[in-house]
C-alpha cells in the first residue's frame, strides 16, 4: 500500500459521510467545474461534499475490483476467520494500471461535456491521473496531485520508493497486517480491522500520526483489504506533448510519512524539469498522508479556489 487515497483524504471524506457521487444542478447560465477524484491504494470511490456545497460538482471514480461488495466478506467481520480470509480469491487479481486509467477516462469523457474538469489523484492515484491526462489531455483543465506519485524521471511509484528520499517511507511498516500469500492471491491483502496493537501503532505513525484513535479507526475501516500487485510497479510516466501540457498543481503534505516530503519535492522538481514551460503550482498543508477532517479543510479550500 502506498497510501490509503485518500485514502487518504478522500477516504476520510467518505468516513465523514461523502458518497461516491455528489452533485448539484448548475446555476442557469453558469458553467460548473467537476472535480473527479481518483483514490489511492485500498480506497473506494468517494468525493468531497463540501465542494458540492460550494457550488461545484464532485464525484469519485469506481476503480475495477474496488467495490466494497466485491471485497468485504464474512471472514473479514468480527470474530474474524483469518484462515478463510487468507484464501478467498481477490477481485483485483490481474487488475492493472491500464484498467484504472480506462475507468477514469470514461468518467472524464462524460463529465467534460458539461464544463471544466479538475482531475484529482491521491497517493497511488497520481499514476492514474498522469496516464489519463496522457490519453485525453484536451479534456482536462487541471491535474491535482494530492500527496501523490508523479512519475517522470523514474517509471513507477515502486521505483521512487527505492530512492534515498523514498526509503524513509513508513509504508512497509504495516506488513504485519498482511493476510495470505500475495503470490497466490495475486494481490496484497491487509487486515485493516485487526485489533493488534503493534499494527495499529504502525498504521497511525505511517498514515495519520496527528489523529485521535477514533479518527484513525474510522479511516482504517473505510479501506478495502485488497490492492493490486501490479499497479505500483507499472509504467506511469506521461509524454511531454500530452500529459506535459496539462496545467497541474501539487498539494504537499508536510507531515507525510508514506510519501515523505523530500520525495514529494523530488517528484515536483523532476516533473518541472521535464516540462519547463509548464511547472507545478505548489501548495503545502500541515497534514499526514491521510489527513484528519480538520486538516482536510485546508485541501478543500485549495480545491475550491482552483475552480474559480
Protein backbone atom coordinates (compact mmCIF):
# COMPACT_ATOMS: atom_id res chain seq x y z
CA UNK A 1 0.00 0.00 0.00
CA UNK A 2 1.45 3.33 -0.98
CA UNK A 3 -1.09 5.23 0.91
CA UNK A 4 -4.56 4.90 1.92
CA UNK A 5 -6.05 7.71 -1.35
CA UNK A 6 -7.05 9.09 0.34
CA UNK A 7 -7.24 7.45 1.43
CA UNK A 8 -6.22 9.16 2.08
CA UNK A 9 -8.13 12.42 2.38
CA UNK A 10 -10.80 11.09 0.05
CA UNK A 11 -11.46 8.04 2.19
CA UNK A 12 -11.62 10.20 5.29
CA UNK A 13 -14.22 12.29 3.50
CA UNK A 14 -16.14 9.11 2.86
CA UNK A 15 -15.97 8.24 6.53
CA UNK A 16 -17.44 11.62 7.27
CA UNK A 17 -20.39 10.96 5.04
CA UNK A 18 -19.24 11.54 1.45
CA UNK A 19 -20.71 9.26 -1.17
CA UNK A 20 -19.25 8.16 -4.47
CA UNK A 21 -21.12 10.93 -6.22
CA UNK A 22 -22.13 14.37 -5.00
CA UNK A 23 -23.74 16.81 -7.39
CA UNK A 24 -25.78 19.95 -7.57
CA UNK A 25 -27.57 21.27 -10.63
CA UNK A 26 -25.71 24.02 -12.41
CA UNK A 27 -26.95 27.53 -11.94
CA UNK A 28 -28.68 28.80 -15.05
CA UNK A 29 -26.15 30.26 -17.44
CA UNK A 30 -23.19 29.32 -15.24
CA UNK A 31 -20.51 26.80 -16.16
CA UNK A 32 -19.75 24.47 -13.26
CA UNK A 33 -16.44 22.73 -12.61
CA UNK A 34 -16.48 19.00 -12.00
CA UNK A 35 -13.91 17.54 -9.61
CA UNK A 36 -13.10 13.91 -10.41
CA UNK A 37 -11.33 12.11 -7.55
CA UNK A 38 -9.13 9.05 -8.04
CA UNK A 39 -8.34 7.24 -4.82
CA UNK A 40 -5.06 5.72 -3.81
CA UNK A 41 -4.48 2.12 -2.85
CA UNK A 42 -7.24 0.30 -0.96
CA UNK A 43 -9.64 3.19 -1.43
CA UNK A 44 -13.26 3.35 -2.51
CA UNK A 45 -14.95 5.85 -4.80
CA UNK A 46 -15.61 8.99 -2.77
CA UNK A 47 -15.70 12.74 -3.17
CA UNK A 48 -15.63 15.93 -1.12
CA UNK A 49 -19.18 17.01 -0.19
CA UNK A 50 -18.02 20.47 0.87
CA UNK A 51 -17.07 21.23 -2.73
CA UNK A 52 -20.61 20.39 -3.76
CA UNK A 53 -21.99 22.70 -1.09
CA UNK A 54 -19.81 25.44 -2.56
CA UNK A 55 -21.43 25.05 -5.96
CA UNK A 56 -19.17 22.61 -7.76
CA UNK A 57 -19.74 19.05 -8.91
CA UNK A 58 -17.67 16.30 -7.30
CA UNK A 59 -17.51 12.56 -7.86
CA UNK A 60 -15.24 9.62 -7.18
CA UNK A 61 -14.16 7.05 -9.76
CA UNK A 62 -15.12 3.45 -9.11
CA UNK A 63 -11.90 1.57 -9.86
CA UNK A 64 -12.05 -2.05 -11.09
CA UNK A 65 -12.17 -4.52 -8.22
CA UNK A 66 -12.62 -1.73 -5.67
CA UNK A 67 -16.30 -2.19 -4.93
CA UNK A 68 -16.88 -2.85 -1.22
CA UNK A 69 -19.39 -5.52 -2.19
CA UNK A 70 -16.59 -7.30 -4.06
CA UNK A 71 -14.04 -7.17 -1.25
CA UNK A 72 -15.95 -7.47 2.00
CA UNK A 73 -16.64 -10.99 3.27
CA UNK A 74 -17.98 -12.60 6.45
CA UNK A 75 -14.44 -13.80 7.16
CA UNK A 76 -13.42 -10.13 7.46
CA UNK A 77 -16.05 -9.43 10.10
CA UNK A 78 -15.60 -9.96 13.84
CA UNK A 79 -14.84 -12.54 15.00
CA UNK A 80 -12.59 -12.88 12.01
CA UNK A 81 -11.81 -16.12 10.21
CA UNK A 82 -8.25 -15.34 9.16
CA UNK A 83 -7.62 -18.79 7.73
CA UNK A 84 -10.53 -18.37 5.33
CA UNK A 85 -9.71 -14.72 4.64
CA UNK A 86 -6.24 -15.79 3.54
CA UNK A 87 -7.62 -17.95 0.73
CA UNK A 88 -10.59 -16.02 -0.71
CA UNK A 89 -9.90 -15.08 -4.37
CA UNK A 90 -9.18 -11.40 -4.89
CA UNK A 91 -11.26 -9.18 -7.20
CA UNK A 92 -8.13 -7.17 -8.04
CA UNK A 93 -6.11 -10.19 -9.11
CA UNK A 94 -4.78 -9.28 -12.54
CA UNK A 95 -6.08 -5.69 -12.39
CA UNK A 96 -3.61 -3.28 -13.98
CA UNK A 97 -2.94 0.45 -14.10
CA UNK A 98 -4.40 0.41 -17.61
CA UNK A 99 -7.68 -0.80 -16.09
CA UNK A 100 -7.69 2.11 -13.63
CA UNK A 101 -6.93 4.52 -16.46
CA UNK A 102 -9.72 3.15 -18.63
CA UNK A 103 -12.30 3.52 -15.84
CA UNK A 104 -11.19 7.07 -15.08
CA UNK A 105 -11.04 8.12 -18.71
CA UNK A 106 -14.65 7.04 -19.21
CA UNK A 107 -15.71 9.31 -16.36
CA UNK A 108 -13.65 12.23 -17.68
CA UNK A 109 -15.12 11.87 -21.16
CA UNK A 110 -18.65 12.03 -19.76
CA UNK A 111 -18.25 14.95 -17.37
CA UNK A 112 -16.15 17.03 -19.77
CA UNK A 113 -19.30 17.59 -21.84
CA UNK A 114 -20.71 19.70 -19.03
CA UNK A 115 -17.89 22.07 -18.12
CA UNK A 116 -14.31 22.27 -16.85
CA UNK A 117 -12.73 19.15 -15.33
CA UNK A 118 -10.28 19.09 -12.43
CA UNK A 119 -8.81 15.60 -12.03
CA UNK A 120 -7.54 14.90 -8.52
CA UNK A 121 -5.33 11.95 -7.59
CA UNK A 122 -4.27 10.98 -4.11
CA UNK A 123 -1.14 8.91 -3.43
CA UNK A 124 -1.13 5.96 -5.85
CA UNK A 125 -3.95 7.71 -7.71
CA UNK A 126 -1.30 10.02 -9.10
CA UNK A 127 -0.24 7.28 -11.50
CA UNK A 128 -3.76 7.03 -12.84
CA UNK A 129 -4.32 10.75 -13.40
CA UNK A 130 -0.98 11.08 -15.20
CA UNK A 131 -1.88 8.35 -17.67
CA UNK A 132 -5.42 9.68 -18.15
CA UNK A 133 -4.02 13.12 -18.94
CA UNK A 134 -1.65 11.45 -21.38
CA UNK A 135 -4.64 9.86 -23.13
CA UNK A 136 -7.08 12.79 -23.17
CA UNK A 137 -5.14 15.99 -22.39
CA UNK A 138 -7.67 18.23 -24.09
CA UNK A 139 -10.48 17.08 -21.79
CA UNK A 140 -8.76 18.02 -18.54
CA UNK A 141 -8.43 21.61 -17.36
CA UNK A 142 -6.25 20.91 -14.34
CA UNK A 143 -4.46 17.99 -12.68
CA UNK A 144 -4.15 17.98 -8.89
CA UNK A 145 -1.66 15.65 -7.20
CA UNK A 146 -2.61 15.46 -3.53
CA UNK A 147 0.46 13.95 -1.84
CA UNK A 148 0.51 11.70 -4.89
CA UNK A 149 3.01 9.96 -7.11
CA UNK A 150 4.01 11.90 -10.21
CA UNK A 151 6.46 9.77 -12.17
CA UNK A 152 8.71 11.42 -14.74
CA UNK A 153 12.40 10.57 -14.37
CA UNK A 154 11.63 7.15 -12.85
CA UNK A 155 8.95 4.87 -14.24
CA UNK A 156 6.82 3.90 -11.25
CA UNK A 157 5.90 4.58 -7.63
CA UNK A 158 7.80 1.44 -6.65
CA UNK A 159 10.93 2.85 -8.27
CA UNK A 160 10.56 6.13 -6.38
CA UNK A 161 10.27 4.26 -3.08
CA UNK A 162 13.73 2.83 -3.76
CA UNK A 163 15.31 6.29 -3.91
CA UNK A 164 17.07 7.78 -0.87
CA UNK A 165 14.04 10.04 -0.36
CA UNK A 166 11.63 7.12 -0.70
CA UNK A 167 13.43 4.77 1.65
CA UNK A 168 12.36 6.99 4.55
CA UNK A 169 8.76 5.94 3.89
CA UNK A 170 6.92 4.04 6.63
CA UNK A 171 4.56 2.43 4.11
CA UNK A 172 6.01 -1.04 4.67
CA UNK A 173 5.62 -0.80 8.44
CA UNK A 174 2.13 -2.33 8.19
CA UNK A 175 3.49 -5.61 6.79
CA UNK A 176 2.34 -7.43 9.94
CA UNK A 177 -1.24 -6.87 8.79
CA UNK A 178 -0.86 -8.79 5.52
CA UNK A 179 -3.11 -11.83 5.26
CA UNK A 180 -2.47 -14.68 2.82
CA UNK A 181 0.29 -15.11 0.28
CA UNK A 182 0.39 -12.25 -2.25
CA UNK A 183 1.93 -14.63 -4.81
CA UNK A 184 -1.10 -16.90 -4.56
CA UNK A 185 -3.75 -14.19 -4.24
CA UNK A 186 -2.02 -12.04 -6.88
CA UNK A 187 -2.93 -9.13 -4.64
CA UNK A 188 -1.83 -7.59 -1.36
CA UNK A 189 -4.46 -8.21 1.33
CA UNK A 190 -4.24 -6.20 4.55
CA UNK A 191 -6.38 -6.80 7.62
CA UNK A 192 -7.19 -3.19 8.45
CA UNK A 193 -9.73 -4.35 11.04
CA UNK A 194 -7.25 -6.13 13.27
CA UNK A 195 -7.00 -5.06 16.90
CA UNK A 196 -3.31 -5.89 17.05
CA UNK A 197 -1.63 -3.07 18.94
CA UNK A 198 1.66 -3.28 17.03
CA UNK A 199 -0.15 -2.96 13.71
CA UNK A 200 -2.35 -0.08 14.84
CA UNK A 201 0.62 1.86 16.19
CA UNK A 202 2.50 1.33 12.94
CA UNK A 203 -0.51 2.38 10.85
CA UNK A 204 -1.00 5.52 12.91
CA UNK A 205 2.67 6.51 12.68
CA UNK A 206 2.69 5.98 8.93
CA UNK A 207 -0.64 7.32 7.80
CA UNK A 208 -2.30 9.51 10.40
CA UNK A 209 0.08 10.37 13.21
CA UNK A 210 -1.78 13.52 14.21
CA UNK A 211 -5.16 11.79 14.54
CA UNK A 212 -7.04 10.58 17.58
CA UNK A 213 -7.53 6.84 17.93
CA UNK A 214 -11.13 7.29 16.87
CA UNK A 215 -10.15 9.17 13.72
CA UNK A 216 -7.56 6.53 12.85
CA UNK A 217 -10.02 3.65 13.28
CA UNK A 218 -12.69 5.48 11.28
CA UNK A 219 -10.22 5.92 8.42
CA UNK A 220 -8.94 2.33 8.56
CA UNK A 221 -12.48 0.98 8.48
CA UNK A 222 -13.12 2.71 5.15
CA UNK A 223 -10.22 0.89 3.49
CA UNK A 224 -10.59 -2.18 1.31
CA UNK A 225 -8.45 -5.21 2.17
CA UNK A 226 -7.06 -5.84 -1.31
CA UNK A 227 -4.89 -3.86 -3.68
CA UNK A 228 -3.43 -4.95 -7.00
CA UNK A 229 0.14 -6.22 -7.05
CA UNK A 230 0.73 -4.68 -10.46
CA UNK A 231 -0.24 -1.02 -10.23
CA UNK A 232 2.57 0.34 -8.06
CA UNK A 233 5.25 -1.07 -10.37
CA UNK A 234 3.56 -0.16 -13.66
CA UNK A 235 4.98 2.37 -16.11
CA UNK A 236 3.31 5.61 -15.00
CA UNK A 237 5.05 8.37 -16.94
CA UNK A 238 3.31 10.76 -19.28
CA UNK A 239 4.52 12.23 -22.54
CA UNK A 240 5.69 15.82 -22.69
CA UNK A 241 3.41 16.57 -25.66
CA UNK A 242 0.30 15.18 -23.93
CA UNK A 243 0.34 14.99 -20.11
CA UNK A 244 3.09 17.59 -20.13
CA UNK A 245 0.86 20.35 -21.49
CA UNK A 246 -1.96 19.98 -18.94
CA UNK A 247 -1.78 22.54 -16.15
CA UNK A 248 -1.02 20.91 -12.82
CA UNK A 249 -0.98 21.53 -9.07
CA UNK A 250 0.80 19.66 -6.30
CA UNK A 251 -0.53 19.71 -2.73
CA UNK A 252 2.33 18.80 -0.41
CA UNK A 253 1.55 17.12 2.91
CA UNK A 254 4.25 18.38 5.25
CA UNK A 255 3.82 15.57 7.83
CA UNK A 256 3.54 12.72 5.35
CA UNK A 257 5.42 9.55 6.41
CA UNK A 258 4.21 7.40 3.50
CA UNK A 259 5.34 9.67 0.67
CA UNK A 260 7.89 11.71 2.65
CA UNK A 261 8.07 15.42 1.93
CA UNK A 262 11.53 15.04 0.42
CA UNK A 263 10.14 12.52 -2.06
CA UNK A 264 7.21 14.79 -2.91
CA UNK A 265 9.69 17.59 -3.59
CA UNK A 266 11.86 15.34 -5.74
CA UNK A 267 8.90 14.40 -7.94
CA UNK A 268 7.84 18.04 -8.26
CA UNK A 269 11.36 19.05 -9.27
CA UNK A 270 11.72 16.26 -11.81
CA UNK A 271 8.33 16.95 -13.37
CA UNK A 272 9.13 20.64 -13.70
CA UNK A 273 12.44 19.78 -15.36
CA UNK A 274 10.64 17.50 -17.81
CA UNK A 275 8.20 20.25 -18.84
CA UNK A 276 9.95 23.58 -18.17
CA UNK A 277 7.14 25.55 -19.76
CA UNK A 278 4.51 24.01 -17.53
CA UNK A 279 5.69 23.85 -13.93
CA UNK A 280 3.67 22.75 -10.94
CA UNK A 281 1.77 25.30 -8.91
CA UNK A 282 2.57 24.13 -5.38
CA UNK A 283 0.61 24.36 -2.13
CA UNK A 284 1.52 22.96 1.30
CA UNK A 285 -0.79 21.73 4.03
CA UNK A 286 0.12 20.59 7.54
CA UNK A 287 -1.21 17.07 7.21
CA UNK A 288 -0.25 13.44 7.44
CA UNK A 289 -0.70 11.18 4.43
CA UNK A 290 -4.32 10.62 5.44
CA UNK A 291 -5.48 14.00 6.75
CA UNK A 292 -7.82 14.42 9.67
CA UNK A 293 -11.08 16.19 8.89
CA UNK A 294 -9.64 19.42 10.27
CA UNK A 295 -6.52 19.13 8.11
CA UNK A 296 -8.57 18.23 5.05
CA UNK A 297 -10.40 21.56 5.34
CA UNK A 298 -7.17 23.14 4.05
CA UNK A 299 -7.31 20.93 0.96
CA UNK A 300 -10.97 21.71 0.34
CA UNK A 301 -10.18 25.42 0.43
CA UNK A 302 -7.34 24.98 -2.09
CA UNK A 303 -9.51 22.97 -4.45
CA UNK A 304 -12.37 25.43 -4.18
CA UNK A 305 -10.13 28.34 -5.11
CA UNK A 306 -8.64 26.42 -8.04
CA UNK A 307 -12.11 26.19 -9.58
CA UNK A 308 -12.66 29.94 -9.51
